[in-house]
Amino acid sequence: MAAYSMDLRRRVLHDADAGMASDALAEKYSVSRAWVDRLKQRRRETGEIAPRKQTRWRTPILYAQLGQLEALIREQSDRTLAELQEALQTSASLPTLCRAVRKLGFRFKKNGTRVRTRPR
């Protein structure tokens, strides 16, 4: 969603300075009352009314090492997550490693319910 324009922000604050209540401002300009209150609070605290820079999702911690992780798994597919963590020399947690392994398309092989894979 795009930020509200500076023109709208100025008009809202002009009417607020004239004494209009937040509820009336929100209805008049078809915005939420919470947005009106936040805009007034931000101007009061920082003096700014311009929209803040939009942030994006941060890059995953293992993004740069995905190729190396895939090579490690293909080289020796029965490594545990702890062994992968040690081989990558990363501080990423085991759940983070698990998500990265799944993102690469690998699955954890499981035997049937409590069935051992040993000769009879």
N, C-alpha and C. Protein backbone atom coordinates (compact mmCIF):
# COMPACT_ATOMS: atom_id res chain seq x y z
N MET A 1 0.84 -1.18 0.00
CA MET A 1 0.00 0.00 0.00
C MET A 1 0.88 1.23 0.00
N ALA A 2 0.56 2.19 -0.82
CA ALA A 2 1.34 3.41 -0.93
C ALA A 2 1.05 4.33 0.25
N ALA A 3 2.03 5.15 0.59
CA ALA A 3 1.88 6.10 1.69
C ALA A 3 0.93 7.23 1.26
N TYR A 4 0.29 7.84 2.24
CA TYR A 4 -0.57 8.98 1.95
C TYR A 4 0.27 10.16 1.49
N SER A 5 -0.27 10.97 0.60
CA SER A 5 0.47 12.09 0.01
C SER A 5 0.73 13.19 1.04
N MET A 6 1.72 14.01 0.73
CA MET A 6 2.05 15.14 1.61
C MET A 6 0.90 16.14 1.63
N ASP A 7 0.22 16.29 0.50
CA ASP A 7 -0.91 17.22 0.44
C ASP A 7 -1.99 16.80 1.43
N LEU A 8 -2.33 15.51 1.45
CA LEU A 8 -3.34 15.01 2.38
C LEU A 8 -2.87 15.22 3.82
N ARG A 9 -1.62 14.93 4.09
CA ARG A 9 -1.09 15.09 5.44
C ARG A 9 -1.20 16.55 5.89
N ARG A 10 -0.85 17.47 4.99
CA ARG A 10 -0.93 18.90 5.35
C ARG A 10 -2.37 19.33 5.61
N ARG A 11 -3.30 18.86 4.76
CA ARG A 11 -4.71 19.23 4.95
C ARG A 11 -5.26 18.69 6.26
N VAL A 12 -4.90 17.44 6.59
CA VAL A 12 -5.36 16.84 7.84
C VAL A 12 -4.82 17.64 9.02
N LEU A 13 -3.53 17.97 9.00
CA LEU A 13 -2.94 18.71 10.12
C LEU A 13 -3.47 20.14 10.19
N HIS A 14 -3.76 20.74 9.04
CA HIS A 14 -4.32 22.10 9.04
C HIS A 14 -5.68 22.09 9.73
N ASP A 15 -6.52 21.11 9.39
CA ASP A 15 -7.83 21.02 10.03
C ASP A 15 -7.71 20.64 11.50
N ALA A 16 -6.71 19.83 11.83
CA ALA A 16 -6.50 19.47 13.24
C ALA A 16 -6.10 20.70 14.04
N ASP A 17 -5.25 21.55 13.45
CA ASP A 17 -4.86 22.79 14.13
C ASP A 17 -6.03 23.74 14.27
N ALA A 18 -6.99 23.64 13.36
CA ALA A 18 -8.19 24.49 13.43
C ALA A 18 -9.17 23.99 14.49
N GLY A 19 -8.89 22.81 15.07
CA GLY A 19 -9.72 22.34 16.17
C GLY A 19 -10.63 21.17 15.86
N MET A 20 -10.52 20.58 14.69
CA MET A 20 -11.35 19.42 14.36
C MET A 20 -10.89 18.21 15.15
N ALA A 21 -11.83 17.39 15.57
CA ALA A 21 -11.52 16.18 16.32
C ALA A 21 -10.98 15.10 15.38
N SER A 22 -10.24 14.17 15.95
CA SER A 22 -9.64 13.09 15.15
C SER A 22 -10.71 12.25 14.44
N ASP A 23 -11.81 11.98 15.12
CA ASP A 23 -12.89 11.21 14.49
C ASP A 23 -13.44 11.92 13.26
N ALA A 24 -13.66 13.23 13.39
CA ALA A 24 -14.20 14.00 12.26
C ALA A 24 -13.19 14.08 11.12
N LEU A 25 -11.91 14.22 11.45
CA LEU A 25 -10.87 14.25 10.43
C LEU A 25 -10.82 12.92 9.66
N ALA A 26 -10.88 11.84 10.40
CA ALA A 26 -10.81 10.52 9.78
C ALA A 26 -11.98 10.31 8.84
N GLU A 27 -13.15 10.73 9.24
CA GLU A 27 -14.33 10.58 8.39
C GLU A 27 -14.26 11.50 7.17
N LYS A 28 -13.84 12.73 7.37
CA LYS A 28 -13.77 13.70 6.28
C LYS A 28 -12.80 13.27 5.19
N TYR A 29 -11.64 12.74 5.59
CA TYR A 29 -10.59 12.40 4.62
C TYR A 29 -10.53 10.90 4.30
N SER A 30 -11.45 10.13 4.81
CA SER A 30 -11.52 8.68 4.57
C SER A 30 -10.22 7.97 4.93
N VAL A 31 -9.73 8.27 6.13
CA VAL A 31 -8.56 7.59 6.67
C VAL A 31 -8.95 7.07 8.05
N SER A 32 -8.08 6.30 8.66
CA SER A 32 -8.41 5.78 9.99
C SER A 32 -8.08 6.82 11.06
N ARG A 33 -8.81 6.73 12.16
CA ARG A 33 -8.56 7.63 13.28
C ARG A 33 -7.18 7.40 13.84
N ALA A 34 -6.74 6.13 13.86
CA ALA A 34 -5.42 5.81 14.38
C ALA A 34 -4.33 6.49 13.56
N TRP A 35 -4.51 6.53 12.23
CA TRP A 35 -3.51 7.19 11.38
C TRP A 35 -3.45 8.68 11.69
N VAL A 36 -4.61 9.29 11.87
CA VAL A 36 -4.67 10.72 12.21
C VAL A 36 -3.93 10.96 13.53
N ASP A 37 -4.20 10.13 14.52
CA ASP A 37 -3.56 10.29 15.83
C ASP A 37 -2.05 10.09 15.74
N ARG A 38 -1.62 9.08 14.96
CA ARG A 38 -0.17 8.84 14.80
C ARG A 38 0.51 10.00 14.09
N LEU A 39 -0.17 10.56 13.08
CA LEU A 39 0.40 11.69 12.35
C LEU A 39 0.56 12.89 13.27
N LYS A 40 -0.44 13.16 14.07
CA LYS A 40 -0.35 14.28 15.02
C LYS A 40 0.73 14.04 16.07
N GLN A 41 0.82 12.81 16.55
CA GLN A 41 1.83 12.48 17.55
C GLN A 41 3.23 12.60 16.97
N ARG A 42 3.42 12.14 15.74
CA ARG A 42 4.74 12.21 15.12
C ARG A 42 5.18 13.66 14.91
N ARG A 43 4.24 14.50 14.50
CA ARG A 43 4.59 15.91 14.32
C ARG A 43 4.93 16.54 15.66
N ARG A 44 4.19 16.17 16.69
CA ARG A 44 4.44 16.71 18.03
C ARG A 44 5.80 16.26 18.56
N GLU A 45 6.17 14.99 18.34
CA GLU A 45 7.40 14.46 18.91
C GLU A 45 8.65 14.74 18.08
N THR A 46 8.53 14.66 16.75
CA THR A 46 9.73 14.81 15.92
C THR A 46 9.68 16.01 14.99
N GLY A 47 8.49 16.55 14.77
CA GLY A 47 8.36 17.66 13.86
C GLY A 47 8.24 17.22 12.40
N GLU A 48 8.28 15.93 12.13
CA GLU A 48 8.19 15.41 10.77
C GLU A 48 6.77 14.96 10.46
N ILE A 49 6.40 15.14 9.19
CA ILE A 49 5.11 14.63 8.76
C ILE A 49 5.24 13.80 7.48
N ALA A 50 6.43 13.78 6.90
CA ALA A 50 6.65 13.03 5.65
C ALA A 50 6.54 11.53 5.93
N PRO A 51 6.14 10.77 4.92
CA PRO A 51 6.07 9.32 5.12
C PRO A 51 7.46 8.75 5.34
N ARG A 52 7.53 7.72 6.17
CA ARG A 52 8.80 7.07 6.43
C ARG A 52 9.17 6.19 5.26
N LYS A 53 10.44 5.88 5.17
CA LYS A 53 10.92 4.99 4.11
C LYS A 53 10.31 3.60 4.32
N GLN A 54 9.81 3.01 3.25
CA GLN A 54 9.23 1.68 3.33
C GLN A 54 10.34 0.65 3.48
N THR A 55 10.18 -0.26 4.41
CA THR A 55 11.19 -1.30 4.61
C THR A 55 10.77 -2.57 3.90
N ARG A 56 11.73 -3.38 3.58
CA ARG A 56 11.49 -4.66 2.94
C ARG A 56 11.94 -5.75 3.90
N TRP A 57 11.60 -6.98 3.57
CA TRP A 57 12.05 -8.10 4.39
C TRP A 57 13.54 -8.19 4.31
N ARG A 58 14.15 -8.51 5.39
CA ARG A 58 15.61 -8.62 5.38
C ARG A 58 16.03 -9.93 4.71
N THR A 59 17.26 -9.95 4.27
CA THR A 59 17.80 -11.13 3.60
C THR A 59 17.99 -12.23 4.63
N PRO A 60 17.58 -13.46 4.31
CA PRO A 60 17.77 -14.56 5.25
C PRO A 60 19.24 -14.75 5.61
N ILE A 61 19.49 -15.17 6.84
CA ILE A 61 20.84 -15.26 7.35
C ILE A 61 21.70 -16.25 6.57
N LEU A 62 21.10 -17.29 6.01
CA LEU A 62 21.86 -18.30 5.27
C LEU A 62 21.81 -18.09 3.76
N TYR A 63 21.31 -16.97 3.29
CA TYR A 63 21.13 -16.74 1.87
C TYR A 63 22.43 -16.91 1.09
N ALA A 64 23.51 -16.36 1.60
CA ALA A 64 24.80 -16.43 0.90
C ALA A 64 25.40 -17.83 0.93
N GLN A 65 24.95 -18.67 1.85
CA GLN A 65 25.53 -19.99 2.01
C GLN A 65 24.64 -21.12 1.50
N LEU A 66 23.56 -20.79 0.80
CA LEU A 66 22.65 -21.82 0.33
C LEU A 66 23.33 -22.79 -0.64
N GLY A 67 24.16 -22.28 -1.53
CA GLY A 67 24.88 -23.14 -2.46
C GLY A 67 25.82 -24.10 -1.75
N GLN A 68 26.53 -23.56 -0.76
CA GLN A 68 27.45 -24.39 0.02
C GLN A 68 26.67 -25.43 0.83
N LEU A 69 25.53 -25.04 1.37
CA LEU A 69 24.70 -25.97 2.13
C LEU A 69 24.21 -27.11 1.24
N GLU A 70 23.76 -26.77 0.04
CA GLU A 70 23.30 -27.80 -0.88
C GLU A 70 24.43 -28.77 -1.25
N ALA A 71 25.62 -28.22 -1.47
CA ALA A 71 26.77 -29.07 -1.81
C ALA A 71 27.11 -30.01 -0.65
N LEU A 72 27.03 -29.51 0.57
CA LEU A 72 27.31 -30.35 1.74
C LEU A 72 26.30 -31.49 1.86
N ILE A 73 25.06 -31.20 1.60
CA ILE A 73 24.02 -32.23 1.70
C ILE A 73 24.20 -33.28 0.60
N ARG A 74 24.49 -32.82 -0.61
CA ARG A 74 24.68 -33.77 -1.71
C ARG A 74 25.93 -34.63 -1.50
N GLU A 75 26.95 -34.05 -0.90
CA GLU A 75 28.19 -34.77 -0.63
C GLU A 75 27.97 -35.90 0.38
N GLN A 76 27.25 -35.59 1.44
CA GLN A 76 26.98 -36.59 2.48
C GLN A 76 25.58 -36.33 3.00
N SER A 77 24.63 -37.09 2.50
CA SER A 77 23.22 -36.78 2.75
C SER A 77 22.73 -37.13 4.15
N ASP A 78 23.50 -37.87 4.93
CA ASP A 78 23.01 -38.25 6.25
C ASP A 78 23.58 -37.38 7.37
N ARG A 79 24.09 -36.22 7.03
CA ARG A 79 24.58 -35.30 8.06
C ARG A 79 23.41 -34.77 8.88
N THR A 80 23.67 -34.59 10.16
CA THR A 80 22.65 -34.00 11.02
C THR A 80 22.70 -32.48 10.87
N LEU A 81 21.69 -31.82 11.39
CA LEU A 81 21.68 -30.36 11.33
C LEU A 81 22.86 -29.77 12.09
N ALA A 82 23.20 -30.38 13.22
CA ALA A 82 24.35 -29.90 14.00
C ALA A 82 25.65 -30.04 13.20
N GLU A 83 25.78 -31.13 12.47
CA GLU A 83 26.97 -31.32 11.63
C GLU A 83 27.00 -30.31 10.49
N LEU A 84 25.84 -30.03 9.92
CA LEU A 84 25.78 -29.01 8.87
C LEU A 84 26.14 -27.64 9.41
N GLN A 85 25.66 -27.35 10.61
CA GLN A 85 25.96 -26.08 11.26
C GLN A 85 27.46 -25.93 11.47
N GLU A 86 28.09 -27.00 11.91
CA GLU A 86 29.53 -26.98 12.16
C GLU A 86 30.31 -26.86 10.84
N ALA A 87 29.87 -27.57 9.82
CA ALA A 87 30.56 -27.53 8.53
C ALA A 87 30.45 -26.15 7.87
N LEU A 88 29.31 -25.49 8.06
CA LEU A 88 29.12 -24.15 7.50
C LEU A 88 29.80 -23.08 8.34
N GLN A 89 30.14 -23.41 9.57
CA GLN A 89 30.72 -22.45 10.53
C GLN A 89 29.82 -21.22 10.64
N THR A 90 28.55 -21.48 10.91
CA THR A 90 27.57 -20.41 11.01
C THR A 90 26.99 -20.35 12.42
N SER A 91 26.49 -19.19 12.76
CA SER A 91 25.84 -19.02 14.06
C SER A 91 24.33 -19.22 13.95
N ALA A 92 23.87 -19.58 12.75
CA ALA A 92 22.43 -19.79 12.54
C ALA A 92 21.96 -20.95 13.41
N SER A 93 20.76 -20.80 13.94
CA SER A 93 20.21 -21.84 14.82
C SER A 93 19.81 -23.07 14.01
N LEU A 94 19.60 -24.17 14.73
CA LEU A 94 19.20 -25.41 14.06
C LEU A 94 17.84 -25.28 13.36
N PRO A 95 16.84 -24.61 13.97
CA PRO A 95 15.58 -24.42 13.23
C PRO A 95 15.77 -23.60 11.95
N THR A 96 16.67 -22.63 11.97
CA THR A 96 16.95 -21.83 10.77
C THR A 96 17.58 -22.72 9.69
N LEU A 97 18.49 -23.57 10.11
CA LEU A 97 19.10 -24.52 9.17
C LEU A 97 18.05 -25.47 8.60
N CYS A 98 17.15 -25.94 9.43
CA CYS A 98 16.08 -26.84 8.99
C CYS A 98 15.23 -26.17 7.93
N ARG A 99 14.87 -24.91 8.13
CA ARG A 99 14.06 -24.18 7.14
C ARG A 99 14.83 -24.02 5.84
N ALA A 100 16.14 -23.76 5.92
CA ALA A 100 16.96 -23.60 4.72
C ALA A 100 17.04 -24.92 3.95
N VAL A 101 17.19 -26.03 4.66
CA VAL A 101 17.25 -27.35 4.01
C VAL A 101 15.93 -27.63 3.30
N ARG A 102 14.83 -27.33 3.94
CA ARG A 102 13.51 -27.54 3.31
C ARG A 102 13.32 -26.61 2.11
N LYS A 103 13.83 -25.38 2.22
CA LYS A 103 13.73 -24.43 1.11
C LYS A 103 14.49 -24.93 -0.11
N LEU A 104 15.58 -25.63 0.12
CA LEU A 104 16.36 -26.20 -0.98
C LEU A 104 15.67 -27.41 -1.61
N GLY A 105 14.60 -27.89 -0.99
CA GLY A 105 13.83 -28.99 -1.55
C GLY A 105 14.19 -30.35 -0.98
N PHE A 106 15.06 -30.39 0.01
CA PHE A 106 15.41 -31.65 0.63
C PHE A 106 14.39 -31.99 1.70
N ARG A 107 14.18 -33.27 1.91
CA ARG A 107 13.27 -33.75 2.94
C ARG A 107 14.02 -34.69 3.85
N PHE A 108 13.55 -34.82 5.05
CA PHE A 108 14.16 -35.71 6.01
C PHE A 108 13.52 -37.08 5.87
N LYS A 109 14.33 -38.07 5.54
CA LYS A 109 13.81 -39.42 5.35
C LYS A 109 13.44 -40.02 6.69
N LYS A 110 12.28 -40.61 6.73
CA LYS A 110 11.84 -41.26 7.96
C LYS A 110 11.40 -42.67 7.63
N ASN A 111 11.67 -43.57 8.55
CA ASN A 111 11.19 -44.94 8.40
C ASN A 111 9.74 -45.00 8.81
N GLY A 112 9.12 -46.15 8.61
CA GLY A 112 7.75 -46.32 9.06
C GLY A 112 7.66 -46.18 10.56
N THR A 113 6.49 -46.23 11.11
CA THR A 113 6.30 -46.02 12.52
C THR A 113 7.11 -47.02 13.36
N ARG A 114 8.16 -46.51 13.93
CA ARG A 114 9.03 -47.29 14.82
C ARG A 114 9.59 -48.57 14.19
N VAL A 115 9.76 -48.58 12.90
CA VAL A 115 10.32 -49.75 12.22
C VAL A 115 11.81 -49.50 12.01
N ARG A 116 12.62 -50.42 12.46
CA ARG A 116 14.06 -50.27 12.30
C ARG A 116 14.50 -50.82 10.95
N THR A 117 15.56 -50.26 10.43
CA THR A 117 16.09 -50.72 9.14
C THR A 117 17.30 -51.62 9.40
N ARG A 118 17.06 -52.79 9.89
CA ARG A 118 18.13 -53.75 10.14
C ARG A 118 17.72 -55.10 9.53
N PRO A 119 18.70 -55.89 9.19
CA PRO A 119 18.36 -57.20 8.63
C PRO A 119 17.71 -58.10 9.67
N ARG A 120 16.86 -59.00 9.21
CA ARG A 120 16.14 -59.90 10.13
C ARG A 120 16.94 -61.10 10.47
